[in-house]
Amino acid sequence: MRNRAAERPSLLDGWNSPPNLVTYARIVLVLAFIGVDVAAGSRGTSSLALRWTAAALFAVAASTDKLDGWMARTYDHVTELGKLMDPIADKLLIGSALVIASCFGELGWWVTILMLIREVGITVMRLCVIDTGGRVIAASKAGKYKTLTQCVGLGLLLMPMWSLVPGLSASGSGTATPMWVTVYYVVTYAVIYLSLVLCLYSGALYLYRVFAHRGHGSNGGSDATESIGRDGASSSSSASSSAETSRFDSPSDRARE
């Protein structure tokens, strides 16, 4: 058991690896996004230029998640810190966009609250897994689709498409609202609500896997750690096992739940 503990990688191993530096840069972009989005006002009524800038910053910050994941896989720089910081950076981006949208009245608070409860809960669970000696659990397909739909839906919401119609106000008053604008916002909110469903489902799936495999380990009388691959498959290891079969022992994409 002591040998297993000694072989377990430290959380700070590879803290300055290129993929992690990209993750840090994404956190800085998130902070810039928050300031610009707040200054732009609801739907960009205070400044359309700032609202478009906020949408661009959001898109860049969201897309860099793919960059650090690609770097981690390609150059074999998958680290425990990266697997933890990557989803935290995502949650900062998504969470800030949700809260600002709700404060501006662009999105119902019930959507934001449900998503934040799920995101904070899973983050706390990740920290508990690490604290008890387990490995960081990677995202299921539902978790990846949740993140994708969140980014797409919020990205669409951030773009003030109403401003492209001469005479149309942010509230829809003024000139008649074109059909394409109506369809645009219907699709936008449909994607956001879909992301909420995936958010709750993937969170429940994550908790089930954590507790199910912990229960399996205790029943077997072994000190088991659990690592679930990004493709949804899982593998368990115990102190009595001579071979480690964790998905995280081979180059893999950065975890995101």
C-alpha atoms as a PDB file:
ATOM      1  CA  MET A   1       0.000   0.000   0.000  1.00  0.00           C
ATOM      2  CA  ARG A   2       2.871   2.329   0.791  1.00  0.00           C
ATOM      3  CA  ASN A   3       4.447   1.568  -2.580  1.00  0.00           C
ATOM      4  CA  ARG A   4       1.166   2.441  -4.277  1.00  0.00           C
ATOM      5  CA  ALA A   5       1.053   5.747  -2.395  1.00  0.00           C
ATOM      6  CA  ALA A   6       4.650   6.499  -3.351  1.00  0.00           C
ATOM      7  CA  GLU A   7       3.969   5.800  -7.020  1.00  0.00           C
ATOM      8  CA  ARG A   8       0.882   8.041  -7.096  1.00  0.00           C
ATOM      9  CA  PRO A   9       1.779  11.285  -8.963  1.00  0.00           C
ATOM     10  CA  SER A  10       1.789  14.525  -7.004  1.00  0.00           C
ATOM     11  CA  LEU A  11      -0.880  17.099  -7.808  1.00  0.00           C
ATOM     12  CA  LEU A  12       1.841  19.675  -8.549  1.00  0.00           C
ATOM     13  CA  ASP A  13       3.827  17.470 -10.920  1.00  0.00           C
ATOM     14  CA  GLY A  14       4.063  19.261 -14.271  1.00  0.00           C
ATOM     15  CA  TRP A  15       2.441  22.452 -13.004  1.00  0.00           C
ATOM     16  CA  ASN A  16       4.392  24.502 -15.576  1.00  0.00           C
ATOM     17  CA  SER A  17       3.788  22.205 -18.550  1.00  0.00           C
ATOM     18  CA  PRO A  18       2.615  23.937 -21.774  1.00  0.00           C
ATOM     19  CA  PRO A  19      -0.984  22.605 -21.552  1.00  0.00           C
ATOM     20  CA  ASN A  20      -1.276  23.913 -17.986  1.00  0.00           C
ATOM     21  CA  LEU A  21       0.074  27.317 -19.046  1.00  0.00           C
ATOM     22  CA  VAL A  22      -2.699  27.453 -21.650  1.00  0.00           C
ATOM     23  CA  THR A  23      -5.208  26.648 -18.904  1.00  0.00           C
ATOM     24  CA  TYR A  24      -3.855  29.499 -16.768  1.00  0.00           C
ATOM     25  CA  ALA A  25      -4.172  31.842 -19.757  1.00  0.00           C
ATOM     26  CA  ARG A  26      -7.797  30.756 -20.165  1.00  0.00           C
ATOM     27  CA  ILE A  27      -8.486  31.776 -16.569  1.00  0.00           C
ATOM     28  CA  VAL A  28      -7.068  35.229 -17.331  1.00  0.00           C
ATOM     29  CA  LEU A  29      -9.359  35.429 -20.379  1.00  0.00           C
ATOM     30  CA  VAL A  30     -12.313  34.564 -18.157  1.00  0.00           C
ATOM     31  CA  LEU A  31     -11.520  37.491 -15.877  1.00  0.00           C
ATOM     32  CA  ALA A  32     -11.310  39.803 -18.890  1.00  0.00           C
ATOM     33  CA  PHE A  33     -14.613  38.428 -20.196  1.00  0.00           C
ATOM     34  CA  ILE A  34     -16.365  39.138 -16.893  1.00  0.00           C
ATOM     35  CA  GLY A  35     -15.262  42.770 -16.876  1.00  0.00           C
ATOM     36  CA  VAL A  36     -16.195  43.408 -20.503  1.00  0.00           C
ATOM     37  CA  ASP A  37     -19.551  41.610 -20.326  1.00  0.00           C
ATOM     38  CA  VAL A  38     -20.634  43.521 -17.222  1.00  0.00           C
ATOM     39  CA  ALA A  39     -19.582  46.838 -18.782  1.00  0.00           C
ATOM     40  CA  ALA A  40     -21.574  46.049 -21.949  1.00  0.00           C
ATOM     41  CA  GLY A  41     -24.862  45.927 -20.057  1.00  0.00           C
ATOM     42  CA  SER A  42     -27.919  43.782 -20.671  1.00  0.00           C
ATOM     43  CA  ARG A  43     -27.904  42.502 -24.271  1.00  0.00           C
ATOM     44  CA  GLY A  44     -25.278  45.145 -25.055  1.00  0.00           C
ATOM     45  CA  THR A  45     -27.514  48.136 -24.394  1.00  0.00           C
ATOM     46  CA  SER A  46     -24.669  50.054 -22.741  1.00  0.00           C
ATOM     47  CA  SER A  47     -22.157  49.261 -25.475  1.00  0.00           C
ATOM     48  CA  LEU A  48     -22.661  47.005 -28.461  1.00  0.00           C
ATOM     49  CA  ALA A  49     -18.923  47.012 -29.153  1.00  0.00           C
ATOM     50  CA  LEU A  50     -18.197  45.664 -25.678  1.00  0.00           C
ATOM     51  CA  ARG A  51     -20.935  43.046 -26.018  1.00  0.00           C
ATOM     52  CA  TRP A  52     -19.436  41.763 -29.265  1.00  0.00           C
ATOM     53  CA  THR A  53     -16.021  41.816 -27.581  1.00  0.00           C
ATOM     54  CA  ALA A  54     -17.387  39.805 -24.652  1.00  0.00           C
ATOM     55  CA  ALA A  55     -18.808  37.242 -27.085  1.00  0.00           C
ATOM     56  CA  ALA A  56     -15.421  37.000 -28.817  1.00  0.00           C
ATOM     57  CA  LEU A  57     -13.567  36.573 -25.512  1.00  0.00           C
ATOM     58  CA  PHE A  58     -16.010  33.862 -24.490  1.00  0.00           C
ATOM     59  CA  ALA A  59     -15.483  32.025 -27.782  1.00  0.00           C
ATOM     60  CA  VAL A  60     -11.686  32.228 -27.516  1.00  0.00           C
ATOM     61  CA  ALA A  61     -11.666  31.104 -23.884  1.00  0.00           C
ATOM     62  CA  ALA A  62     -13.967  28.172 -24.675  1.00  0.00           C
ATOM     63  CA  SER A  63     -11.968  27.101 -27.740  1.00  0.00           C
ATOM     64  CA  THR A  64      -8.630  27.060 -25.889  1.00  0.00           C
ATOM     65  CA  ASP A  65      -9.967  24.153 -23.880  1.00  0.00           C
ATOM     66  CA  LYS A  66      -9.511  22.040 -26.998  1.00  0.00           C
ATOM     67  CA  LEU A  67      -5.997  23.426 -27.427  1.00  0.00           C
ATOM     68  CA  ASP A  68      -4.646  22.377 -24.048  1.00  0.00           C
ATOM     69  CA  GLY A  69      -6.369  19.008 -24.371  1.00  0.00           C
ATOM     70  CA  TRP A  70      -4.701  18.453 -27.748  1.00  0.00           C
ATOM     71  CA  MET A  71      -1.311  19.490 -26.365  1.00  0.00           C
ATOM     72  CA  ALA A  72      -1.702  17.183 -23.373  1.00  0.00           C
ATOM     73  CA  ARG A  73      -2.463  14.206 -25.631  1.00  0.00           C
ATOM     74  CA  THR A  74       0.089  14.938 -28.327  1.00  0.00           C
ATOM     75  CA  TYR A  75       3.078  15.686 -26.097  1.00  0.00           C
ATOM     76  CA  ASP A  76       2.161  13.335 -23.253  1.00  0.00           C
ATOM     77  CA  HIS A  77       1.762  16.154 -20.722  1.00  0.00           C
ATOM     78  CA  VAL A  78      -1.317  14.774 -18.970  1.00  0.00           C
ATOM     79  CA  THR A  79      -1.014  15.784 -15.311  1.00  0.00           C
ATOM     80  CA  GLU A  80      -3.186  15.463 -12.221  1.00  0.00           C
ATOM     81  CA  LEU A  81      -3.156  19.262 -11.826  1.00  0.00           C
ATOM     82  CA  GLY A  82      -4.221  19.696 -15.437  1.00  0.00           C
ATOM     83  CA  LYS A  83      -7.081  17.250 -15.057  1.00  0.00           C
ATOM     84  CA  LEU A  84      -8.249  19.273 -12.064  1.00  0.00           C
ATOM     85  CA  MET A  85      -7.617  22.836 -13.308  1.00  0.00           C
ATOM     86  CA  ASP A  86      -9.073  22.270 -16.775  1.00  0.00           C
ATOM     87  CA  PRO A  87     -12.658  21.671 -15.564  1.00  0.00           C
ATOM     88  CA  ILE A  88     -12.289  24.419 -12.963  1.00  0.00           C
ATOM     89  CA  ALA A  89     -11.376  26.894 -15.711  1.00  0.00           C
ATOM     90  CA  ASP A  90     -14.407  25.713 -17.679  1.00  0.00           C
ATOM     91  CA  LYS A  91     -16.665  26.182 -14.662  1.00  0.00           C
ATOM     92  CA  LEU A  92     -15.362  29.701 -14.069  1.00  0.00           C
ATOM     93  CA  LEU A  93     -16.167  30.606 -17.661  1.00  0.00           C
ATOM     94  CA  ILE A  94     -19.597  28.988 -17.767  1.00  0.00           C
ATOM     95  CA  GLY A  95     -20.536  30.036 -14.245  1.00  0.00           C
ATOM     96  CA  SER A  96     -19.658  33.694 -14.778  1.00  0.00           C
ATOM     97  CA  ALA A  97     -21.578  33.799 -18.066  1.00  0.00           C
ATOM     98  CA  LEU A  98     -24.637  32.245 -16.400  1.00  0.00           C
ATOM     99  CA  VAL A  99     -24.631  34.599 -13.415  1.00  0.00           C
ATOM    100  CA  ILE A 100     -24.185  37.717 -15.555  1.00  0.00           C
ATOM    101  CA  ALA A 101     -26.949  36.611 -17.936  1.00  0.00           C
ATOM    102  CA  SER A 102     -29.320  36.055 -15.009  1.00  0.00           C
ATOM    103  CA  CYS A 103     -28.401  39.385 -13.403  1.00  0.00           C
ATOM    104  CA  PHE A 104     -29.239  41.091 -16.706  1.00  0.00           C
ATOM    105  CA  GLY A 105     -32.534  39.227 -16.968  1.00  0.00           C
ATOM    106  CA  GLU A 106     -31.477  37.318 -20.068  1.00  0.00           C
ATOM    107  CA  LEU A 107     -31.734  33.900 -18.419  1.00  0.00           C
ATOM    108  CA  GLY A 108     -33.915  32.571 -15.626  1.00  0.00           C
ATOM    109  CA  TRP A 109     -32.235  32.269 -12.244  1.00  0.00           C
ATOM    110  CA  TRP A 110     -33.597  28.756 -11.841  1.00  0.00           C
ATOM    111  CA  VAL A 111     -31.447  27.599 -14.777  1.00  0.00           C
ATOM    112  CA  THR A 112     -28.336  29.258 -13.379  1.00  0.00           C
ATOM    113  CA  ILE A 113     -28.899  27.964  -9.836  1.00  0.00           C
ATOM    114  CA  LEU A 114     -29.425  24.356 -10.960  1.00  0.00           C
ATOM    115  CA  MET A 115     -26.316  24.441 -13.127  1.00  0.00           C
ATOM    116  CA  LEU A 116     -24.183  26.045 -10.420  1.00  0.00           C
ATOM    117  CA  ILE A 117     -25.309  23.543  -7.783  1.00  0.00           C
ATOM    118  CA  ARG A 118     -24.308  20.725 -10.076  1.00  0.00           C
ATOM    119  CA  GLU A 119     -20.966  22.280 -11.090  1.00  0.00           C
ATOM    120  CA  VAL A 120     -19.938  23.207  -7.539  1.00  0.00           C
ATOM    121  CA  GLY A 121     -21.054  19.823  -6.250  1.00  0.00           C
ATOM    122  CA  ILE A 122     -18.988  17.897  -8.788  1.00  0.00           C
ATOM    123  CA  THR A 123     -15.962  20.113  -8.165  1.00  0.00           C
ATOM    124  CA  VAL A 124     -16.185  19.442  -4.416  1.00  0.00           C
ATOM    125  CA  MET A 125     -16.516  15.739  -5.148  1.00  0.00           C
ATOM    126  CA  ARG A 126     -13.364  15.858  -7.283  1.00  0.00           C
ATOM    127  CA  LEU A 127     -11.451  17.457  -4.421  1.00  0.00           C
ATOM    128  CA  CYS A 128     -12.755  14.802  -2.025  1.00  0.00           C
ATOM    129  CA  VAL A 129     -11.615  12.041  -4.367  1.00  0.00           C
ATOM    130  CA  ILE A 130      -8.129  13.545  -4.501  1.00  0.00           C
ATOM    131  CA  ASP A 131      -8.011  14.133  -0.748  1.00  0.00           C
ATOM    132  CA  THR A 132      -8.869  10.495  -0.023  1.00  0.00           C
ATOM    133  CA  GLY A 133      -6.149   9.220  -2.339  1.00  0.00           C
ATOM    134  CA  GLY A 134      -8.237   8.479  -5.396  1.00  0.00           C
ATOM    135  CA  ARG A 135      -7.454   9.670  -8.883  1.00  0.00           C
ATOM    136  CA  VAL A 136      -9.311  12.436 -10.675  1.00  0.00           C
ATOM    137  CA  ILE A 137     -12.261  10.937 -12.561  1.00  0.00           C
ATOM    138  CA  ALA A 138     -12.548  11.941 -16.192  1.00  0.00           C
ATOM    139  CA  ALA A 139     -15.691  13.071 -17.948  1.00  0.00           C
ATOM    140  CA  SER A 140     -18.289  10.817 -19.514  1.00  0.00           C
ATOM    141  CA  LYS A 141     -19.670  11.521 -22.977  1.00  0.00           C
ATOM    142  CA  ALA A 142     -22.681  13.200 -21.369  1.00  0.00           C
ATOM    143  CA  GLY A 143     -20.309  15.516 -19.503  1.00  0.00           C
ATOM    144  CA  LYS A 144     -18.532  16.459 -22.725  1.00  0.00           C
ATOM    145  CA  TYR A 145     -21.809  17.093 -24.545  1.00  0.00           C
ATOM    146  CA  LYS A 146     -22.971  19.169 -21.579  1.00  0.00           C
ATOM    147  CA  THR A 147     -19.920  21.405 -21.860  1.00  0.00           C
ATOM    148  CA  LEU A 148     -20.335  21.697 -25.628  1.00  0.00           C
ATOM    149  CA  THR A 149     -23.991  22.692 -25.463  1.00  0.00           C
ATOM    150  CA  GLN A 150     -23.303  25.146 -22.649  1.00  0.00           C
ATOM    151  CA  CYS A 151     -20.605  26.881 -24.683  1.00  0.00           C
ATOM    152  CA  VAL A 152     -22.717  26.961 -27.841  1.00  0.00           C
ATOM    153  CA  GLY A 153     -25.884  28.156 -26.088  1.00  0.00           C
ATOM    154  CA  LEU A 154     -24.213  30.869 -24.030  1.00  0.00           C
ATOM    155  CA  GLY A 155     -22.093  31.930 -26.978  1.00  0.00           C
ATOM    156  CA  LEU A 156     -25.245  32.434 -29.053  1.00  0.00           C
ATOM    157  CA  LEU A 157     -26.886  34.335 -26.195  1.00  0.00           C
ATOM    158  CA  LEU A 158     -23.909  36.676 -25.872  1.00  0.00           C
ATOM    159  CA  MET A 159     -24.062  37.804 -29.494  1.00  0.00           C
ATOM    160  CA  PRO A 160     -26.446  40.797 -29.823  1.00  0.00           C
ATOM    161  CA  MET A 161     -27.989  39.668 -33.094  1.00  0.00           C
ATOM    162  CA  TRP A 162     -30.915  42.045 -32.598  1.00  0.00           C
ATOM    163  CA  SER A 163     -28.536  44.920 -33.297  1.00  0.00           C
ATOM    164  CA  LEU A 164     -28.167  43.760 -36.909  1.00  0.00           C
ATOM    165  CA  VAL A 165     -31.760  44.789 -37.610  1.00  0.00           C
ATOM    166  CA  PRO A 166     -32.099  48.562 -38.142  1.00  0.00           C
ATOM    167  CA  GLY A 167     -34.593  50.115 -35.738  1.00  0.00           C
ATOM    168  CA  LEU A 168     -34.972  47.012 -33.554  1.00  0.00           C
ATOM    169  CA  SER A 169     -34.297  47.454 -29.827  1.00  0.00           C
ATOM    170  CA  ALA A 170     -32.927  44.889 -27.385  1.00  0.00           C
ATOM    171  CA  SER A 171     -36.428  44.417 -25.946  1.00  0.00           C
ATOM    172  CA  GLY A 172     -37.859  43.699 -29.385  1.00  0.00           C
ATOM    173  CA  SER A 173     -39.735  46.963 -29.650  1.00  0.00           C
ATOM    174  CA  GLY A 174     -39.486  49.375 -32.543  1.00  0.00           C
ATOM    175  CA  THR A 175     -39.566  47.815 -35.972  1.00  0.00           C
ATOM    176  CA  ALA A 176     -41.130  44.404 -36.562  1.00  0.00           C
ATOM    177  CA  THR A 177     -38.913  41.527 -35.430  1.00  0.00           C
ATOM    178  CA  PRO A 178     -37.747  39.463 -38.441  1.00  0.00           C
ATOM    179  CA  MET A 179     -38.464  35.745 -38.375  1.00  0.00           C
ATOM    180  CA  TRP A 180     -34.767  34.849 -38.425  1.00  0.00           C
ATOM    181  CA  VAL A 181     -34.187  36.781 -35.192  1.00  0.00           C
ATOM    182  CA  THR A 182     -37.050  34.935 -33.487  1.00  0.00           C
ATOM    183  CA  VAL A 183     -35.752  31.574 -34.704  1.00  0.00           C
ATOM    184  CA  TYR A 184     -32.241  32.504 -33.574  1.00  0.00           C
ATOM    185  CA  TYR A 185     -33.288  33.119 -29.966  1.00  0.00           C
ATOM    186  CA  VAL A 186     -35.601  30.087 -29.894  1.00  0.00           C
ATOM    187  CA  VAL A 187     -32.669  27.894 -30.923  1.00  0.00           C
ATOM    188  CA  THR A 188     -30.400  29.669 -28.427  1.00  0.00           C
ATOM    189  CA  TYR A 189     -32.624  28.943 -25.442  1.00  0.00           C
ATOM    190  CA  ALA A 190     -33.363  25.421 -26.669  1.00  0.00           C
ATOM    191  CA  VAL A 191     -29.637  24.653 -26.650  1.00  0.00           C
ATOM    192  CA  ILE A 192     -29.258  26.146 -23.163  1.00  0.00           C
ATOM    193  CA  TYR A 193     -32.152  24.048 -21.806  1.00  0.00           C
ATOM    194  CA  LEU A 194     -30.659  20.964 -23.449  1.00  0.00           C
ATOM    195  CA  SER A 195     -27.375  21.721 -21.692  1.00  0.00           C
ATOM    196  CA  LEU A 196     -29.268  21.880 -18.389  1.00  0.00           C
ATOM    197  CA  VAL A 197     -30.689  18.397 -18.942  1.00  0.00           C
ATOM    198  CA  LEU A 198     -27.235  17.039 -19.808  1.00  0.00           C
ATOM    199  CA  CYS A 199     -25.783  18.921 -16.851  1.00  0.00           C
ATOM    200  CA  LEU A 200     -28.063  17.216 -14.339  1.00  0.00           C
ATOM    201  CA  TYR A 201     -27.809  13.816 -16.008  1.00  0.00           C
ATOM    202  CA  SER A 202     -24.006  13.800 -16.213  1.00  0.00           C
ATOM    203  CA  GLY A 203     -23.763  15.000 -12.612  1.00  0.00           C
ATOM    204  CA  ALA A 204     -25.962  12.166 -11.390  1.00  0.00           C
ATOM    205  CA  LEU A 205     -23.939   9.701 -13.484  1.00  0.00           C
ATOM    206  CA  TYR A 206     -20.693  11.001 -11.987  1.00  0.00           C
ATOM    207  CA  LEU A 207     -21.939  10.585  -8.420  1.00  0.00           C
ATOM    208  CA  TYR A 208     -23.238   7.099  -9.175  1.00  0.00           C
ATOM    209  CA  ARG A 209     -19.851   5.997 -10.531  1.00  0.00           C
ATOM    210  CA  VAL A 210     -17.940   7.434  -7.578  1.00  0.00           C
ATOM    211  CA  PHE A 211     -20.108   5.820  -4.908  1.00  0.00           C
ATOM    212  CA  ALA A 212     -20.636   2.580  -6.828  1.00  0.00           C
ATOM    213  CA  HIS A 213     -16.942   1.928  -7.258  1.00  0.00           C
ATOM    214  CA  ARG A 214     -16.094   3.006  -3.728  1.00  0.00           C
ATOM    215  CA  GLY A 215     -18.688   0.545  -2.463  1.00  0.00           C
ATOM    216  CA  HIS A 216     -17.215  -2.162  -4.675  1.00  0.00           C
ATOM    217  CA  GLY A 217     -13.757  -1.463  -3.303  1.00  0.00           C
ATOM    218  CA  SER A 218     -14.878  -1.626   0.336  1.00  0.00           C
ATOM    219  CA  ASN A 219     -16.793  -4.859  -0.226  1.00  0.00           C
ATOM    220  CA  GLY A 220     -13.714  -6.424  -1.726  1.00  0.00           C
ATOM    221  CA  GLY A 221     -11.599  -5.423   1.249  1.00  0.00           C
ATOM    222  CA  SER A 222      -9.056  -3.649  -0.917  1.00  0.00           C
ATOM    223  CA  ASP A 223      -7.811  -0.100  -1.183  1.00  0.00           C
ATOM    224  CA  ALA A 224      -9.325   0.626  -4.569  1.00  0.00           C
ATOM    225  CA  THR A 225      -8.916   3.701  -6.675  1.00  0.00           C
ATOM    226  CA  GLU A 226     -11.136   4.478  -9.615  1.00  0.00           C
ATOM    227  CA  SER A 227     -10.356   6.026 -12.966  1.00  0.00           C
ATOM    228  CA  ILE A 228     -13.097   6.406 -15.559  1.00  0.00           C
ATOM    229  CA  GLY A 229     -12.014   7.027 -19.142  1.00  0.00           C
ATOM    230  CA  ARG A 230     -13.306   9.793 -21.358  1.00  0.00           C
ATOM    231  CA  ASP A 231     -15.158   7.242 -23.452  1.00  0.00           C
ATOM    232  CA  GLY A 232     -17.275   6.329 -20.430  1.00  0.00           C
ATOM    233  CA  ALA A 233     -15.515   3.008 -19.702  1.00  0.00           C
ATOM    234  CA  SER A 234     -14.096   2.417 -16.219  1.00  0.00           C
ATOM    235  CA  SER A 235     -11.303   0.374 -14.669  1.00  0.00           C
ATOM    236  CA  SER A 236     -10.538  -0.294 -10.981  1.00  0.00           C
ATOM    237  CA  SER A 237      -7.301  -1.210  -9.245  1.00  0.00           C
ATOM    238  CA  SER A 238      -6.503  -2.605  -5.802  1.00  0.00           C
ATOM    239  CA  ALA A 239      -3.441  -2.996  -3.620  1.00  0.00           C
ATOM    240  CA  SER A 240      -3.400  -6.718  -4.325  1.00  0.00           C
ATOM    241  CA  SER A 241      -3.248  -6.176  -8.102  1.00  0.00           C
ATOM    242  CA  SER A 242       0.164  -6.391  -9.749  1.00  0.00           C
ATOM    243  CA  ALA A 243      -0.829  -4.484 -12.904  1.00  0.00           C
ATOM    244  CA  GLU A 244      -2.246  -0.962 -13.056  1.00  0.00           C
ATOM    245  CA  THR A 245      -5.007  -0.577 -15.661  1.00  0.00           C
ATOM    246  CA  SER A 246      -5.976   3.052 -15.148  1.00  0.00           C
ATOM    247  CA  ARG A 247      -6.868   5.038 -18.255  1.00  0.00           C
ATOM    248  CA  PHE A 248      -4.850   7.922 -16.845  1.00  0.00           C
ATOM    249  CA  ASP A 249      -1.618   5.913 -17.063  1.00  0.00           C
ATOM    250  CA  SER A 250      -1.634   6.406 -20.830  1.00  0.00           C
ATOM    251  CA  PRO A 251      -1.817   9.710 -22.746  1.00  0.00           C
ATOM    252  CA  SER A 252      -5.414  10.855 -22.752  1.00  0.00           C
ATOM    253  CA  ASP A 253      -7.482  13.942 -23.215  1.00  0.00           C
ATOM    254  CA  ARG A 254      -7.824  16.398 -20.338  1.00  0.00           C
ATOM    255  CA  ALA A 255     -10.685  15.557 -17.980  1.00  0.00           C
ATOM    256  CA  ARG A 256     -13.817  17.632 -18.109  1.00  0.00           C
ATOM    257  CA  GLU A 257     -17.049  16.744 -16.350  1.00  0.00           C
END
